[in-house]
Protein backbone atom coordinates (compact mmCIF):
# COMPACT_ATOMS: atom_id res chain seq x y z
CA MET A 1 94.94 155.85 107.77
CA LEU A 2 96.20 159.43 107.78
CA GLU A 3 94.26 161.91 109.90
CA ARG A 4 94.18 164.29 106.87
CA ILE A 5 95.04 163.39 103.26
CA PRO A 6 97.55 165.86 101.87
CA ASP A 7 96.15 168.14 99.14
CA GLY A 8 98.61 169.80 96.70
CA LEU A 9 102.34 169.53 96.41
CA ASP A 10 103.15 171.76 99.47
CA GLU A 11 101.13 169.49 101.80
CA ILE A 12 102.45 166.30 100.13
CA LEU A 13 105.99 167.52 100.81
CA ALA A 14 105.08 168.53 104.41
CA VAL A 15 103.59 165.09 105.21
CA TYR A 16 105.78 162.73 103.16
CA GLY A 17 109.00 164.62 102.89
CA THR A 18 111.17 165.28 99.88
CA PRO A 19 112.02 162.04 98.04
CA GLY A 20 114.66 163.51 95.81
CA PHE A 21 115.24 166.29 93.27
CA VAL A 22 115.03 166.83 89.51
CA GLU A 23 118.35 167.17 87.64
CA GLU A 24 118.61 167.62 83.89
CA GLY A 25 115.04 166.39 83.31
CA ARG A 26 115.24 163.29 85.45
CA PHE A 27 114.33 162.42 89.06
CA VAL A 28 117.23 161.66 91.40
CA PRO A 29 116.11 159.89 94.62
CA SER A 30 117.46 160.91 98.04
CA GLN A 31 119.07 157.96 99.78
CA ALA A 32 118.48 159.63 103.16
CA TRP A 33 114.74 159.98 102.40
CA ILE A 34 114.65 156.33 101.30
CA ARG A 35 116.25 155.13 104.56
CA GLU A 36 113.89 157.24 106.62
CA ASN A 37 110.63 156.67 104.86
CA LEU A 38 110.49 153.45 102.85
CA ARG A 39 109.46 150.20 104.55
CA ARG A 40 108.75 146.69 103.23
CA PHE A 41 105.18 145.56 103.77
CA SER A 42 103.95 141.94 103.48
CA LEU A 43 100.90 140.31 102.08
CA SER A 44 99.48 136.95 103.10
CA PHE A 45 99.01 135.96 99.43
CA PRO A 46 100.94 136.32 96.15
CA LEU A 47 100.36 138.81 93.34
CA HIS A 48 101.73 138.49 89.87
CA GLU A 49 104.04 141.23 88.60
CA SER A 50 102.10 142.73 85.67
CA TRP A 51 105.33 143.30 83.64
CA ALA A 52 106.60 139.72 84.34
CA PRO A 53 103.55 137.59 85.14
CA TYR A 54 105.59 134.45 85.68
CA ARG A 55 106.96 136.11 88.82
CA THR A 56 105.04 136.74 92.00
CA LEU A 57 105.57 138.88 95.04
CA THR A 58 104.27 138.85 98.61
CA SER A 59 105.87 142.08 99.81
CA PHE A 60 106.50 145.58 98.51
CA LEU A 61 108.21 148.91 99.34
CA ALA A 62 105.90 151.80 100.26
CA HIS A 63 106.01 154.95 102.37
CA ARG A 64 105.92 154.17 106.08
CA LEU A 65 102.74 156.25 106.47
CA VAL A 66 100.63 154.53 103.82
CA GLY A 67 101.89 150.94 103.44
CA ASP A 68 99.58 149.53 106.09
CA ALA A 69 96.57 151.07 104.38
CA MET A 70 97.64 149.45 101.11
CA VAL A 71 97.96 146.13 102.80
CA ASP A 72 94.64 146.41 104.54
CA ALA A 73 92.83 147.18 101.24
CA LEU A 74 94.52 144.28 99.40
CA GLU A 75 93.78 141.88 102.27
CA GLU A 76 90.13 142.98 102.27
CA ILE A 77 89.99 142.25 98.51
CA ARG A 78 91.47 138.79 99.10
CA GLU A 79 89.03 138.08 101.92
CA TYR A 80 86.03 139.16 99.93
CA TYR A 81 86.85 137.47 96.59
CA GLY A 82 89.08 134.63 97.68
CA LEU A 83 92.32 133.94 95.82
CA GLY A 84 90.65 131.63 93.33
CA ARG A 85 88.10 134.26 92.18
CA MET A 86 90.89 136.87 92.19
CA GLN A 87 92.87 134.79 89.79
CA GLN A 88 89.84 133.96 87.67
CA HIS A 89 88.93 137.68 87.24
CA GLY A 90 92.48 139.12 86.87
CA LEU A 91 92.55 140.68 90.39
CA ASP A 92 95.92 139.14 91.26
CA TYR A 93 98.19 141.52 89.30
CA TRP A 94 100.58 144.03 90.78
CA GLY A 95 101.55 147.23 88.97
CA GLY A 96 103.82 148.68 91.66
CA VAL A 97 104.21 151.39 94.29
CA TYR A 98 107.70 152.86 94.67
CA ASN A 99 109.13 154.10 91.36
CA PRO A 100 111.52 157.04 91.66
CA ARG A 101 110.48 158.94 88.53
CA LEU A 102 108.76 162.09 87.25
CA LYS A 103 105.15 162.34 86.41
CA THR A 104 104.47 160.95 82.92
CA GLY A 105 105.11 163.89 80.57
CA GLY A 106 105.86 166.22 83.46
CA ASP A 107 108.72 167.80 85.39
CA GLU A 108 107.53 167.07 88.98
CA PRO A 109 108.01 163.83 90.91
CA SER A 110 105.34 161.28 90.47
CA LEU A 111 103.49 160.17 93.59
CA HIS A 112 105.17 156.78 92.92
CA ALA A 113 108.45 158.57 93.78
CA PHE A 114 106.89 159.34 97.19
CA ALA A 115 105.79 155.66 97.40
CA VAL A 116 102.21 156.72 98.21
CA ALA A 117 100.60 155.67 94.90
CA LEU A 118 99.70 152.06 94.00
CA ASP A 119 98.95 150.62 90.59
CA TYR A 120 96.79 147.58 90.91
CA CYS A 121 95.67 145.24 88.14
CA PRO A 122 96.77 147.61 85.27
CA ALA A 123 95.01 145.58 82.57
CA LEU A 124 91.68 146.27 84.21
CA GLY A 125 92.01 150.05 84.00
CA PRO A 126 94.72 151.20 81.53
CA CYS A 127 95.45 154.95 81.50
CA GLY A 128 93.01 156.73 79.24
CA GLU A 129 90.44 153.97 79.15
CA PRO A 130 87.37 153.29 81.29
CA SER A 131 88.07 150.96 84.22
CA ARG A 132 86.72 147.44 84.30
CA ARG A 133 87.52 146.75 87.94
CA PRO A 134 84.81 145.69 90.37
CA ARG A 135 83.31 148.33 92.62
CA GLY A 136 84.45 146.40 95.70
CA VAL A 137 88.07 146.87 94.75
CA VAL A 138 87.68 150.61 94.34
CA GLU A 139 85.82 150.85 97.71
CA ALA A 140 88.53 148.82 99.51
CA PHE A 141 90.95 151.61 98.68
CA THR A 142 88.77 154.68 98.73
CA LYS A 143 87.36 154.01 102.21
CA ARG A 144 90.92 154.12 103.52
CA GLY A 145 91.47 157.58 102.01
CA PHE A 146 92.99 156.74 98.63
CA GLU A 147 92.00 158.81 95.60
CA TRP A 148 91.06 156.66 92.63
CA GLY A 149 92.46 157.65 89.19
CA GLY A 150 89.44 156.07 87.48
CA LEU A 151 87.41 159.25 88.23
CA TRP A 152 89.86 161.61 86.63
CA THR A 153 89.12 163.52 83.41
CA CYS A 154 91.66 161.28 81.68
CA PRO A 155 90.99 158.09 83.64
CA ASP A 156 93.83 156.07 85.17
CA GLY A 157 91.78 153.18 86.55
CA HIS A 158 94.61 151.17 87.95
CA HIS A 159 95.99 154.03 90.05
CA PHE A 160 95.23 154.74 93.75
CA GLN A 161 97.02 157.47 95.60
CA MET A 162 97.05 158.78 99.23
CA ALA A 163 97.11 162.40 98.11
CA ARG A 164 94.82 164.86 96.35
CA GLY A 165 95.24 167.77 93.98
CA PHE A 166 98.46 166.59 92.41
């Protein structure tokens, strides 16, 4: 876990670096930043891709400073619920981490462009709706320093990010 969670864009840039730039209303990733900061992290169990549920993954790209915390939270969830109960309750769906894009409806990079935000089980907490995910899932992430989007004014219950104020 990070010693201090970055708060606001200036701190986010200072801790995580600049993942790219905005050109003509779209985000353009920096290949040098990708090489320096993105790493592949592995899970001991499969998750279904929410956009293609017939496919599963056991690894993902994330920022080198937060990927281990993501893995730790997901492994804790698997240990607590077991894979069978996870599947039974829809806790085995992946929404993604790294996505080089702007914030939805905005002109700043999304925290997914920094690869420090995770969307987990999107169907259990769609943007704008109350979350239906178990408390234990939220706690697995928040005790590692992630901010949970389910508490925002406009809830985004599937979103966890290792940053504040952005």
